[in-house]
N, C-alpha and C. Protein backbone atom coordinates (compact mmCIF):
# COMPACT_ATOMS: atom_id res chain seq x y z
N MET A 1 120.29 85.02 102.68
CA MET A 1 120.05 86.41 103.08
C MET A 1 119.96 87.29 101.85
N THR A 2 119.02 88.22 101.84
CA THR A 2 118.88 89.18 100.76
C THR A 2 118.92 90.60 101.33
N ILE A 3 118.98 91.58 100.44
CA ILE A 3 118.99 92.98 100.84
C ILE A 3 117.62 93.58 100.54
N HIS A 4 117.06 94.29 101.52
CA HIS A 4 115.74 94.90 101.35
C HIS A 4 115.80 96.02 100.32
N ARG A 5 114.73 96.16 99.57
CA ARG A 5 114.68 97.18 98.50
C ARG A 5 114.83 98.60 99.04
N GLU A 6 114.46 98.82 100.31
CA GLU A 6 114.62 100.14 100.89
C GLU A 6 116.08 100.53 101.03
N GLY A 7 116.97 99.55 100.95
CA GLY A 7 118.38 99.82 101.16
C GLY A 7 119.19 100.11 99.91
N TYR A 8 118.62 99.85 98.73
CA TYR A 8 119.40 99.98 97.50
C TYR A 8 119.98 101.38 97.34
N GLN A 9 119.15 102.39 97.47
CA GLN A 9 119.60 103.78 97.26
C GLN A 9 120.60 104.19 98.33
N THR A 10 120.32 103.84 99.59
CA THR A 10 121.23 104.21 100.68
C THR A 10 122.59 103.56 100.52
N ILE A 11 122.60 102.27 100.22
CA ILE A 11 123.86 101.54 100.05
C ILE A 11 124.66 102.12 98.89
N ALA A 12 123.97 102.42 97.78
CA ALA A 12 124.66 102.99 96.62
C ALA A 12 125.27 104.35 96.95
N LEU A 13 124.52 105.18 97.67
CA LEU A 13 125.00 106.52 98.03
C LEU A 13 126.20 106.43 98.98
N VAL A 14 126.10 105.57 99.99
CA VAL A 14 127.21 105.40 100.95
C VAL A 14 128.46 104.89 100.24
N THR A 15 128.28 103.93 99.34
CA THR A 15 129.42 103.40 98.58
C THR A 15 130.08 104.48 97.75
N LEU A 16 129.26 105.32 97.10
CA LEU A 16 129.78 106.40 96.26
C LEU A 16 130.56 107.42 97.09
N VAL A 17 129.99 107.82 98.22
CA VAL A 17 130.63 108.83 99.07
C VAL A 17 131.94 108.30 99.66
N LEU A 18 131.91 107.08 100.18
CA LEU A 18 133.11 106.50 100.78
C LEU A 18 134.20 106.27 99.73
N GLY A 19 133.77 105.83 98.54
CA GLY A 19 134.74 105.62 97.46
C GLY A 19 135.41 106.92 97.06
N ALA A 20 134.62 107.99 96.93
CA ALA A 20 135.17 109.29 96.56
C ALA A 20 136.10 109.81 97.65
N LEU A 21 135.70 109.65 98.91
CA LEU A 21 136.53 110.11 100.03
C LEU A 21 137.87 109.39 100.06
N ASN A 22 137.87 108.09 99.84
CA ASN A 22 139.11 107.33 99.85
C ASN A 22 140.02 107.73 98.68
N LEU A 23 139.42 107.96 97.52
CA LEU A 23 140.22 108.37 96.36
C LEU A 23 140.85 109.74 96.58
N ILE A 24 140.09 110.66 97.16
CA ILE A 24 140.61 112.01 97.41
C ILE A 24 141.77 111.97 98.40
N VAL A 25 141.57 111.22 99.50
CA VAL A 25 142.62 111.13 100.52
C VAL A 25 143.87 110.48 99.94
N PHE A 26 143.70 109.42 99.14
CA PHE A 26 144.85 108.75 98.54
C PHE A 26 145.57 109.67 97.55
N TRP A 27 144.80 110.45 96.81
CA TRP A 27 145.40 111.37 95.82
C TRP A 27 146.17 112.48 96.52
N VAL A 28 145.63 112.98 97.64
CA VAL A 28 146.28 114.07 98.37
C VAL A 28 147.52 113.58 99.10
N LEU A 29 147.39 112.44 99.80
CA LEU A 29 148.50 111.95 100.62
C LEU A 29 149.47 111.06 99.85
N GLY A 30 148.92 110.31 98.90
CA GLY A 30 149.77 109.41 98.11
C GLY A 30 150.46 108.39 98.99
N GLY A 31 151.70 108.07 98.63
CA GLY A 31 152.45 107.06 99.37
C GLY A 31 153.10 107.58 100.63
N SER A 32 153.05 108.89 100.87
CA SER A 32 153.73 109.45 102.03
C SER A 32 153.04 109.09 103.35
N GLN A 33 151.74 108.89 103.30
CA GLN A 33 150.97 108.55 104.49
C GLN A 33 150.08 107.34 104.18
N ILE A 34 150.70 106.27 103.74
CA ILE A 34 149.93 105.10 103.31
C ILE A 34 149.13 104.49 104.45
N TRP A 35 149.64 104.64 105.68
CA TRP A 35 148.94 104.05 106.83
C TRP A 35 147.60 104.75 107.08
N ILE A 36 147.56 106.07 106.80
CA ILE A 36 146.30 106.81 106.95
C ILE A 36 145.30 106.35 105.89
N CYS A 37 145.78 106.17 104.69
CA CYS A 37 144.92 105.69 103.60
C CYS A 37 144.37 104.29 103.92
N SER A 38 145.25 103.44 104.45
CA SER A 38 144.83 102.07 104.78
C SER A 38 143.81 102.08 105.91
N LEU A 39 144.03 102.91 106.93
CA LEU A 39 143.11 102.99 108.05
C LEU A 39 141.75 103.50 107.60
N LEU A 40 141.75 104.53 106.77
CA LEU A 40 140.49 105.08 106.26
C LEU A 40 139.74 104.03 105.45
N PHE A 41 140.48 103.26 104.65
CA PHE A 41 139.85 102.21 103.84
C PHE A 41 139.19 101.16 104.73
N ILE A 42 139.88 100.75 105.79
CA ILE A 42 139.33 99.73 106.70
C ILE A 42 138.08 100.25 107.40
N ILE A 43 138.16 101.50 107.90
CA ILE A 43 137.00 102.10 108.57
C ILE A 43 135.82 102.22 107.60
N SER A 44 136.11 102.64 106.38
CA SER A 44 135.06 102.79 105.36
C SER A 44 134.41 101.45 105.05
N LEU A 45 135.23 100.40 104.94
CA LEU A 45 134.71 99.08 104.63
C LEU A 45 133.81 98.56 105.75
N VAL A 46 134.26 98.73 107.00
CA VAL A 46 133.46 98.29 108.14
C VAL A 46 132.13 99.03 108.19
N PHE A 47 132.18 100.35 107.95
CA PHE A 47 130.94 101.14 107.96
C PHE A 47 129.99 100.70 106.85
N LEU A 48 130.53 100.44 105.67
CA LEU A 48 129.70 100.00 104.55
C LEU A 48 129.05 98.65 104.85
N LEU A 49 129.82 97.74 105.44
CA LEU A 49 129.26 96.42 105.79
C LEU A 49 128.16 96.56 106.83
N PHE A 50 128.32 97.52 107.76
CA PHE A 50 127.28 97.76 108.75
C PHE A 50 126.00 98.25 108.08
N ILE A 51 126.14 99.18 107.14
CA ILE A 51 124.97 99.71 106.42
C ILE A 51 124.28 98.58 105.65
N ILE A 52 125.07 97.74 105.00
CA ILE A 52 124.49 96.62 104.25
C ILE A 52 123.75 95.67 105.19
N SER A 53 124.37 95.38 106.35
CA SER A 53 123.74 94.45 107.29
C SER A 53 122.45 95.02 107.86
N PHE A 54 122.35 96.34 107.95
CA PHE A 54 121.14 96.96 108.47
C PHE A 54 119.94 96.66 107.59
N PHE A 55 120.15 96.54 106.29
CA PHE A 55 119.06 96.30 105.34
C PHE A 55 118.92 94.82 104.98
N ARG A 56 119.54 93.96 105.76
CA ARG A 56 119.48 92.52 105.46
C ARG A 56 118.11 91.93 105.76
N ILE A 57 117.74 90.92 105.01
CA ILE A 57 116.57 90.11 105.30
C ILE A 57 117.05 88.67 105.40
N PRO A 58 117.26 88.16 106.60
CA PRO A 58 117.78 86.81 106.76
C PRO A 58 116.74 85.76 106.37
N SER A 59 117.22 84.63 105.94
CA SER A 59 116.31 83.52 105.62
C SER A 59 115.85 82.91 106.93
N ARG A 60 114.56 82.83 107.13
CA ARG A 60 114.01 82.22 108.34
C ARG A 60 112.63 81.64 108.05
N LYS A 61 112.27 80.64 108.80
CA LYS A 61 110.96 80.01 108.66
C LYS A 61 109.96 80.80 109.48
N LEU A 62 109.01 81.44 108.80
CA LEU A 62 108.02 82.28 109.49
C LEU A 62 106.97 81.41 110.19
N THR A 63 106.44 81.92 111.30
CA THR A 63 105.39 81.24 112.03
C THR A 63 104.04 81.66 111.47
N ILE A 64 103.28 80.71 110.96
CA ILE A 64 101.96 80.99 110.39
C ILE A 64 100.92 80.20 111.19
N THR A 65 100.09 80.92 111.94
CA THR A 65 99.05 80.29 112.74
C THR A 65 97.91 81.27 112.97
N SER A 66 96.70 80.81 112.80
CA SER A 66 95.54 81.69 112.93
C SER A 66 95.19 81.98 114.38
N ASN A 67 95.77 81.26 115.31
CA ASN A 67 95.43 81.42 116.72
C ASN A 67 96.43 82.28 117.49
N SER A 68 97.40 82.86 116.80
CA SER A 68 98.46 83.58 117.50
C SER A 68 98.76 84.93 116.85
N ILE A 69 99.32 85.83 117.66
CA ILE A 69 99.82 87.12 117.18
C ILE A 69 101.33 87.02 117.18
N ILE A 70 101.93 87.23 116.02
CA ILE A 70 103.37 87.05 115.85
C ILE A 70 104.09 88.39 115.96
N ALA A 71 105.33 88.38 116.42
CA ALA A 71 106.11 89.62 116.57
C ALA A 71 106.20 90.35 115.24
N PRO A 72 105.87 91.64 115.22
CA PRO A 72 105.95 92.43 113.98
C PRO A 72 107.36 92.91 113.67
N ALA A 73 108.29 92.75 114.64
CA ALA A 73 109.64 93.27 114.45
C ALA A 73 110.64 92.49 115.29
N ASP A 74 111.90 92.55 114.89
CA ASP A 74 112.99 92.02 115.71
C ASP A 74 113.30 93.02 116.82
N GLY A 75 113.80 92.52 117.95
CA GLY A 75 114.21 93.43 119.00
C GLY A 75 113.95 92.89 120.39
N LYS A 76 113.89 93.79 121.36
CA LYS A 76 113.68 93.43 122.77
C LYS A 76 112.35 94.01 123.26
N VAL A 77 111.62 93.20 124.00
CA VAL A 77 110.36 93.65 124.60
C VAL A 77 110.69 94.59 125.75
N VAL A 78 110.33 95.86 125.60
CA VAL A 78 110.69 96.86 126.62
C VAL A 78 109.48 97.37 127.41
N VAL A 79 108.28 97.09 126.92
CA VAL A 79 107.07 97.53 127.63
C VAL A 79 106.01 96.44 127.54
N ILE A 80 105.45 96.09 128.69
CA ILE A 80 104.23 95.28 128.77
C ILE A 80 103.37 95.92 129.84
N GLU A 81 102.30 96.59 129.41
CA GLU A 81 101.48 97.29 130.38
C GLU A 81 100.11 97.59 129.80
N GLU A 82 99.16 97.84 130.69
CA GLU A 82 97.83 98.26 130.27
C GLU A 82 97.86 99.77 130.07
N THR A 83 97.32 100.23 128.95
CA THR A 83 97.35 101.66 128.65
C THR A 83 95.99 102.10 128.10
N ASN A 84 95.72 103.37 128.18
CA ASN A 84 94.48 103.93 127.65
C ASN A 84 94.76 104.52 126.27
N ASP A 85 94.27 103.89 125.23
CA ASP A 85 94.53 104.34 123.86
C ASP A 85 93.61 105.49 123.49
N GLU A 86 94.21 106.62 123.06
CA GLU A 86 93.44 107.80 122.69
C GLU A 86 93.34 107.98 121.18
N GLU A 87 94.02 107.11 120.44
CA GLU A 87 94.07 107.30 118.99
C GLU A 87 92.92 106.61 118.26
N TYR A 88 92.65 105.36 118.59
CA TYR A 88 91.68 104.59 117.81
C TYR A 88 90.61 103.91 118.68
N PHE A 89 91.05 103.17 119.69
CA PHE A 89 90.09 102.40 120.49
C PHE A 89 89.35 103.26 121.52
N HIS A 90 90.06 104.25 122.07
CA HIS A 90 89.50 105.12 123.12
C HIS A 90 89.04 104.31 124.33
N ASP A 91 89.81 103.31 124.65
CA ASP A 91 89.59 102.53 125.86
C ASP A 91 90.91 101.86 126.24
N LYS A 92 90.86 101.00 127.23
CA LYS A 92 92.09 100.36 127.70
C LYS A 92 92.52 99.24 126.77
N ARG A 93 93.84 99.16 126.56
CA ARG A 93 94.45 98.13 125.72
C ARG A 93 95.69 97.59 126.42
N LEU A 94 96.11 96.41 126.02
CA LEU A 94 97.35 95.83 126.52
C LEU A 94 98.46 96.17 125.53
N GLN A 95 99.43 96.95 125.97
CA GLN A 95 100.52 97.40 125.10
C GLN A 95 101.76 96.52 125.25
N VAL A 96 102.29 96.07 124.11
CA VAL A 96 103.56 95.36 124.06
C VAL A 96 104.46 96.13 123.10
N SER A 97 105.60 96.61 123.60
CA SER A 97 106.50 97.42 122.77
C SER A 97 107.81 96.69 122.55
N ILE A 98 108.28 96.73 121.30
CA ILE A 98 109.53 96.07 120.91
C ILE A 98 110.53 97.13 120.46
N PHE A 99 111.66 97.21 121.16
CA PHE A 99 112.71 98.17 120.81
C PHE A 99 113.64 97.55 119.78
N MET A 100 113.88 98.28 118.68
CA MET A 100 114.74 97.82 117.60
C MET A 100 116.05 98.62 117.63
N SER A 101 117.15 97.96 117.90
CA SER A 101 118.45 98.64 117.86
C SER A 101 118.95 98.70 116.43
N PRO A 102 119.95 99.54 116.13
CA PRO A 102 120.49 99.59 114.77
C PRO A 102 121.02 98.26 114.26
N ALA A 103 121.31 97.33 115.18
CA ALA A 103 121.85 96.03 114.77
C ALA A 103 120.77 95.03 114.40
N ASN A 104 119.51 95.35 114.69
CA ASN A 104 118.41 94.43 114.39
C ASN A 104 118.01 94.46 112.92
N VAL A 105 117.30 93.41 112.50
CA VAL A 105 116.64 93.42 111.20
C VAL A 105 115.48 94.40 111.29
N HIS A 106 115.29 95.25 110.29
CA HIS A 106 114.33 96.35 110.43
C HIS A 106 113.09 96.26 109.55
N VAL A 107 112.89 95.15 108.89
CA VAL A 107 111.63 94.95 108.18
C VAL A 107 110.56 94.65 109.22
N ASN A 108 109.36 95.23 109.05
CA ASN A 108 108.22 94.99 109.94
C ASN A 108 107.21 94.10 109.23
N ARG A 109 106.60 93.18 110.00
CA ARG A 109 105.70 92.19 109.41
C ARG A 109 104.32 92.21 110.06
N ASN A 110 103.31 91.78 109.29
CA ASN A 110 101.96 91.70 109.81
C ASN A 110 101.89 90.65 110.92
N PRO A 111 101.38 91.01 112.09
CA PRO A 111 101.33 90.04 113.20
C PRO A 111 100.30 88.94 113.01
N PHE A 112 99.30 89.19 112.20
CA PHE A 112 98.30 88.16 111.87
C PHE A 112 97.58 88.57 110.59
N SER A 113 96.80 87.66 110.05
CA SER A 113 96.08 87.93 108.80
C SER A 113 94.77 88.65 109.08
N GLY A 114 94.33 89.47 108.13
CA GLY A 114 93.07 90.16 108.30
C GLY A 114 92.92 91.33 107.34
N GLU A 115 92.00 92.23 107.66
CA GLU A 115 91.74 93.41 106.84
C GLU A 115 92.25 94.67 107.53
N VAL A 116 92.90 95.53 106.76
CA VAL A 116 93.35 96.81 107.29
C VAL A 116 92.17 97.75 107.37
N VAL A 117 91.80 98.18 108.58
CA VAL A 117 90.63 99.04 108.76
C VAL A 117 91.01 100.45 109.18
N TYR A 118 92.30 100.68 109.44
CA TYR A 118 92.76 102.02 109.84
C TYR A 118 94.22 102.15 109.46
N ASN A 119 94.57 103.31 108.91
CA ASN A 119 95.95 103.57 108.51
C ASN A 119 96.19 105.08 108.62
N GLN A 120 97.08 105.49 109.53
CA GLN A 120 97.26 106.92 109.76
C GLN A 120 98.71 107.25 110.12
N TYR A 121 99.25 108.24 109.42
CA TYR A 121 100.59 108.76 109.72
C TYR A 121 100.46 109.98 110.62
N HIS A 122 101.35 110.08 111.62
CA HIS A 122 101.34 111.21 112.54
C HIS A 122 102.72 111.87 112.58
N LYS A 123 102.78 113.15 112.36
CA LYS A 123 104.02 113.88 112.56
C LYS A 123 104.28 113.97 114.06
N GLY A 124 105.55 114.16 114.43
CA GLY A 124 105.84 114.24 115.85
C GLY A 124 107.30 114.49 116.15
N LYS A 125 107.67 114.25 117.40
CA LYS A 125 109.02 114.48 117.87
C LYS A 125 109.92 113.29 117.53
N TYR A 126 111.17 113.37 117.98
CA TYR A 126 112.12 112.27 117.79
C TYR A 126 112.79 111.96 119.12
N LEU A 127 111.96 111.66 120.11
CA LEU A 127 112.49 111.25 121.41
C LEU A 127 113.13 109.88 121.28
N VAL A 128 114.04 109.55 122.20
CA VAL A 128 114.64 108.22 122.16
C VAL A 128 113.54 107.17 122.26
N ALA A 129 113.72 106.05 121.59
CA ALA A 129 112.64 105.08 121.42
C ALA A 129 112.16 104.46 122.73
N TRP A 130 113.03 104.43 123.77
CA TRP A 130 112.61 103.81 125.03
C TRP A 130 111.90 104.80 125.95
N ASN A 131 111.78 106.05 125.53
CA ASN A 131 111.03 107.02 126.31
C ASN A 131 109.54 106.68 126.24
N PRO A 132 108.85 106.55 127.39
CA PRO A 132 107.43 106.20 127.38
C PRO A 132 106.57 107.14 126.53
N LYS A 133 106.97 108.42 126.42
CA LYS A 133 106.19 109.38 125.65
C LYS A 133 106.34 109.20 124.15
N SER A 134 107.32 108.38 123.71
CA SER A 134 107.54 108.22 122.27
C SER A 134 106.34 107.58 121.58
N SER A 135 105.56 106.78 122.31
CA SER A 135 104.40 106.11 121.71
C SER A 135 103.33 107.10 121.25
N THR A 136 103.25 108.23 121.93
CA THR A 136 102.20 109.19 121.61
C THR A 136 102.71 110.53 121.08
N GLU A 137 104.00 110.81 121.26
CA GLU A 137 104.52 112.12 120.86
C GLU A 137 105.49 112.06 119.67
N ASN A 138 106.07 110.90 119.40
CA ASN A 138 107.02 110.80 118.29
C ASN A 138 106.31 110.67 116.95
N GLU A 139 107.07 110.91 115.88
CA GLU A 139 106.57 110.59 114.55
C GLU A 139 106.24 109.12 114.52
N ARG A 140 105.08 108.75 113.94
CA ARG A 140 104.66 107.36 113.99
C ARG A 140 103.66 107.07 112.87
N HIS A 141 103.48 105.79 112.62
CA HIS A 141 102.50 105.35 111.62
C HIS A 141 101.72 104.20 112.23
N SER A 142 100.40 104.36 112.32
CA SER A 142 99.56 103.37 112.97
C SER A 142 98.66 102.67 111.96
N VAL A 143 98.52 101.37 112.12
CA VAL A 143 97.56 100.60 111.32
C VAL A 143 96.79 99.68 112.25
N VAL A 144 95.54 99.43 111.92
CA VAL A 144 94.73 98.48 112.67
C VAL A 144 94.31 97.37 111.72
N ILE A 145 94.58 96.14 112.15
CA ILE A 145 94.22 94.96 111.37
C ILE A 145 93.09 94.24 112.11
N ARG A 146 92.05 93.86 111.37
CA ARG A 146 90.87 93.21 111.96
C ARG A 146 90.71 91.80 111.40
N ASN A 147 90.41 90.87 112.30
CA ASN A 147 90.14 89.50 111.90
C ASN A 147 89.08 88.92 112.83
N ASN A 148 87.93 88.53 112.25
CA ASN A 148 86.83 87.96 113.03
C ASN A 148 86.42 88.87 114.19
N GLY A 149 86.35 90.18 113.91
CA GLY A 149 85.90 91.12 114.92
C GLY A 149 86.94 91.48 115.96
N ARG A 150 88.17 90.98 115.81
CA ARG A 150 89.24 91.29 116.76
C ARG A 150 90.22 92.25 116.09
N ASP A 151 90.44 93.40 116.74
CA ASP A 151 91.31 94.45 116.19
C ASP A 151 92.62 94.53 116.96
N VAL A 152 93.71 94.70 116.23
CA VAL A 152 95.03 94.94 116.83
C VAL A 152 95.65 96.14 116.14
N LEU A 153 96.15 97.08 116.93
CA LEU A 153 96.82 98.26 116.38
C LEU A 153 98.32 98.03 116.40
N VAL A 154 98.96 98.23 115.26
CA VAL A 154 100.41 98.13 115.13
C VAL A 154 100.95 99.52 114.87
N LYS A 155 101.86 99.97 115.73
CA LYS A 155 102.35 101.35 115.64
C LYS A 155 103.86 101.36 115.39
N GLN A 156 104.26 101.85 114.22
CA GLN A 156 105.69 102.05 113.91
C GLN A 156 106.09 103.43 114.44
N ILE A 157 107.13 103.46 115.25
CA ILE A 157 107.51 104.70 115.92
C ILE A 157 108.95 105.09 115.58
N ALA A 158 109.13 106.34 115.16
CA ALA A 158 110.47 106.85 114.88
C ALA A 158 111.18 107.15 116.19
N GLY A 159 112.51 107.23 116.15
CA GLY A 159 113.28 107.53 117.35
C GLY A 159 114.25 108.67 117.12
N ALA A 160 115.24 108.78 117.98
CA ALA A 160 116.22 109.86 117.88
C ALA A 160 117.07 109.73 116.63
N VAL A 161 117.28 108.49 116.17
CA VAL A 161 118.09 108.23 114.97
C VAL A 161 117.20 107.90 113.79
N ALA A 162 116.21 107.04 114.02
CA ALA A 162 115.32 106.63 112.94
C ALA A 162 114.36 107.76 112.58
N LYS A 163 114.48 108.27 111.36
CA LYS A 163 113.64 109.39 110.97
C LYS A 163 112.95 109.16 109.62
N ARG A 164 112.80 107.87 109.31
CA ARG A 164 112.02 107.56 108.13
C ARG A 164 111.25 106.27 108.35
N ILE A 165 109.93 106.39 108.37
CA ILE A 165 109.06 105.24 108.52
C ILE A 165 108.42 104.96 107.17
N VAL A 166 108.47 103.72 106.74
CA VAL A 166 107.83 103.30 105.49
C VAL A 166 106.72 102.32 105.85
N ASN A 167 105.53 102.57 105.32
CA ASN A 167 104.40 101.67 105.55
C ASN A 167 103.77 101.32 104.21
N TYR A 168 103.50 100.02 104.01
CA TYR A 168 103.03 99.54 102.71
C TYR A 168 101.53 99.26 102.66
N LEU A 169 100.82 99.40 103.78
CA LEU A 169 99.43 98.97 103.83
C LEU A 169 98.45 100.08 103.48
N LYS A 170 97.25 99.66 103.06
CA LYS A 170 96.17 100.60 102.73
C LYS A 170 94.87 100.10 103.35
N VAL A 171 93.99 101.04 103.71
CA VAL A 171 92.69 100.67 104.27
C VAL A 171 91.92 99.83 103.26
N GLY A 172 91.33 98.74 103.73
CA GLY A 172 90.57 97.84 102.87
C GLY A 172 91.39 96.68 102.33
N GLN A 173 92.70 96.76 102.52
CA GLN A 173 93.59 95.71 102.01
C GLN A 173 93.52 94.47 102.89
N GLN A 174 93.50 93.31 102.24
CA GLN A 174 93.59 92.03 102.95
C GLN A 174 95.07 91.66 103.06
N VAL A 175 95.54 91.45 104.28
CA VAL A 175 96.95 91.14 104.49
C VAL A 175 97.11 89.75 105.09
N LYS A 176 98.28 89.19 104.88
CA LYS A 176 98.58 87.86 105.39
C LYS A 176 99.65 87.93 106.47
N GLN A 177 99.51 87.09 107.44
CA GLN A 177 100.47 87.01 108.54
C GLN A 177 101.88 86.75 108.01
N GLY A 178 102.84 87.55 108.49
CA GLY A 178 104.24 87.36 108.11
C GLY A 178 104.68 88.17 106.91
N GLU A 179 103.73 88.70 106.12
CA GLU A 179 104.10 89.53 104.99
C GLU A 179 104.58 90.90 105.47
N GLU A 180 105.28 91.63 104.62
CA GLU A 180 105.84 92.92 105.02
C GLU A 180 104.76 93.96 105.28
N LEU A 181 104.87 94.59 106.42
CA LEU A 181 104.00 95.71 106.79
C LEU A 181 104.67 97.03 106.47
N GLY A 182 105.99 97.08 106.69
CA GLY A 182 106.73 98.31 106.44
C GLY A 182 108.18 98.17 106.85
N PHE A 183 108.84 99.30 107.02
CA PHE A 183 110.27 99.33 107.32
C PHE A 183 110.57 100.61 108.08
N ILE A 184 111.43 100.54 109.09
CA ILE A 184 111.89 101.73 109.81
C ILE A 184 113.40 101.80 109.69
N LYS A 185 113.91 102.91 109.21
CA LYS A 185 115.35 103.03 108.98
C LYS A 185 116.10 103.46 110.24
N PHE A 186 117.11 102.68 110.58
CA PHE A 186 118.09 103.00 111.63
C PHE A 186 117.53 103.00 113.05
N GLY A 187 116.80 101.97 113.39
CA GLY A 187 116.44 101.71 114.78
C GLY A 187 115.26 102.51 115.31
N SER A 188 114.41 101.88 116.08
CA SER A 188 113.29 102.55 116.74
C SER A 188 112.49 101.52 117.51
N ARG A 189 111.15 101.61 117.44
CA ARG A 189 110.33 100.63 118.16
C ARG A 189 109.01 100.42 117.46
N VAL A 190 108.37 99.30 117.77
CA VAL A 190 107.05 98.97 117.26
C VAL A 190 106.17 98.60 118.45
N ASP A 191 105.00 99.21 118.53
CA ASP A 191 104.04 98.92 119.59
C ASP A 191 102.90 98.06 119.05
N LEU A 192 102.44 97.14 119.88
CA LEU A 192 101.22 96.39 119.62
C LEU A 192 100.21 96.76 120.69
N LEU A 193 98.99 97.12 120.28
CA LEU A 193 97.91 97.37 121.23
C LEU A 193 96.90 96.25 121.07
N LEU A 194 96.83 95.40 122.10
CA LEU A 194 96.04 94.18 122.06
C LEU A 194 94.80 94.31 122.93
N PRO A 195 93.79 93.47 122.67
CA PRO A 195 92.60 93.49 123.53
C PRO A 195 92.97 93.15 124.97
N PRO A 196 92.33 93.80 125.94
CA PRO A 196 92.61 93.49 127.35
C PRO A 196 92.37 92.01 127.64
N GLY A 197 93.22 91.44 128.46
CA GLY A 197 93.07 90.03 128.81
C GLY A 197 93.71 89.07 127.84
N THR A 198 94.37 89.61 126.79
CA THR A 198 95.05 88.74 125.83
C THR A 198 96.14 87.93 126.53
N GLN A 199 96.22 86.65 126.22
CA GLN A 199 97.20 85.76 126.84
C GLN A 199 98.56 85.96 126.18
N LEU A 200 99.50 86.56 126.91
CA LEU A 200 100.83 86.84 126.36
C LEU A 200 101.74 85.62 126.43
N ASN A 201 102.64 85.55 125.46
CA ASN A 201 103.59 84.45 125.40
C ASN A 201 105.03 84.94 125.56
N VAL A 202 105.19 86.24 125.86
CA VAL A 202 106.54 86.82 126.02
C VAL A 202 106.63 87.55 127.35
N LYS A 203 107.87 87.81 127.78
CA LYS A 203 108.12 88.52 129.02
C LYS A 203 108.94 89.77 128.75
N LEU A 204 108.97 90.66 129.72
CA LEU A 204 109.75 91.89 129.63
C LEU A 204 111.23 91.55 129.43
N ASN A 205 111.89 92.29 128.55
CA ASN A 205 113.32 92.14 128.22
C ASN A 205 113.62 90.89 127.39
N GLU A 206 112.61 90.21 126.94
CA GLU A 206 112.82 89.05 126.07
C GLU A 206 113.13 89.52 124.65
N THR A 207 114.06 88.83 123.99
CA THR A 207 114.41 89.13 122.60
C THR A 207 113.49 88.34 121.68
N VAL A 208 112.92 89.03 120.69
CA VAL A 208 111.97 88.39 119.78
C VAL A 208 112.44 88.55 118.34
N GLN A 209 111.91 87.69 117.47
CA GLN A 209 112.20 87.74 116.04
C GLN A 209 110.92 88.05 115.28
N GLY A 210 111.00 89.05 114.40
CA GLY A 210 109.84 89.41 113.59
C GLY A 210 109.41 88.27 112.69
N GLY A 211 108.11 87.99 112.71
CA GLY A 211 107.57 86.93 111.87
C GLY A 211 107.76 85.54 112.43
N VAL A 212 108.42 85.41 113.57
CA VAL A 212 108.73 84.09 114.13
C VAL A 212 108.17 83.92 115.55
N THR A 213 108.51 84.84 116.44
CA THR A 213 108.16 84.71 117.86
C THR A 213 106.66 84.94 118.07
N VAL A 214 106.03 84.05 118.81
CA VAL A 214 104.62 84.21 119.17
C VAL A 214 104.52 85.20 120.34
N ILE A 215 103.90 86.34 120.10
CA ILE A 215 103.72 87.36 121.13
C ILE A 215 102.55 87.00 122.05
N ALA A 216 101.45 86.55 121.47
CA ALA A 216 100.25 86.25 122.25
C ALA A 216 99.38 85.25 121.51
N ASN A 217 98.46 84.64 122.27
CA ASN A 217 97.49 83.72 121.69
C ASN A 217 96.09 84.27 121.90
N TRP A 218 95.22 84.02 120.93
CA TRP A 218 93.84 84.50 121.03
C TRP A 218 93.09 83.65 122.05
């Protein structure tokens, strides 16, 4: 397991703040209230470990196959439905949404290899990630990857807690399946907009792993 580069600054800042807080409390209370100092230290340590775990990148064998669309994120499948896309396709698409809790791995990966033909950031609200309107009203970053004339839109969506979306792709870039697409800090969701009639390999409420679970087959 390694720590994602997006976490270095956050982890350092949290460590500094917690360390300073513990030193101040210990200096003020000293030995008279040692139990309070000990409790604060334990709580601080647990919180720091949680922050570190949030930015973890576990070692896993990625699924690489040209005939499949792989999960772009860890989490639970919360939406499988046909929807009318107004952003890029302007027609009906099959939407698969993955909800990412704060406990999930938060690196996002390319679902398949191809060329980036669309990349757009949208300002928006911070509705809870499971709200159906979050796909179109929340802050989000959309990319479309094309391979052999087949386009898939991947949408990183901010939530009530997650308020920073990082996207690494650029229009014209050739990307490989399983490589990093971006990162969302502190939980949210990722939507896939697939061609109608795509054969799905997952069910509602199923837990998936980014870069591993086969979402659909071409």
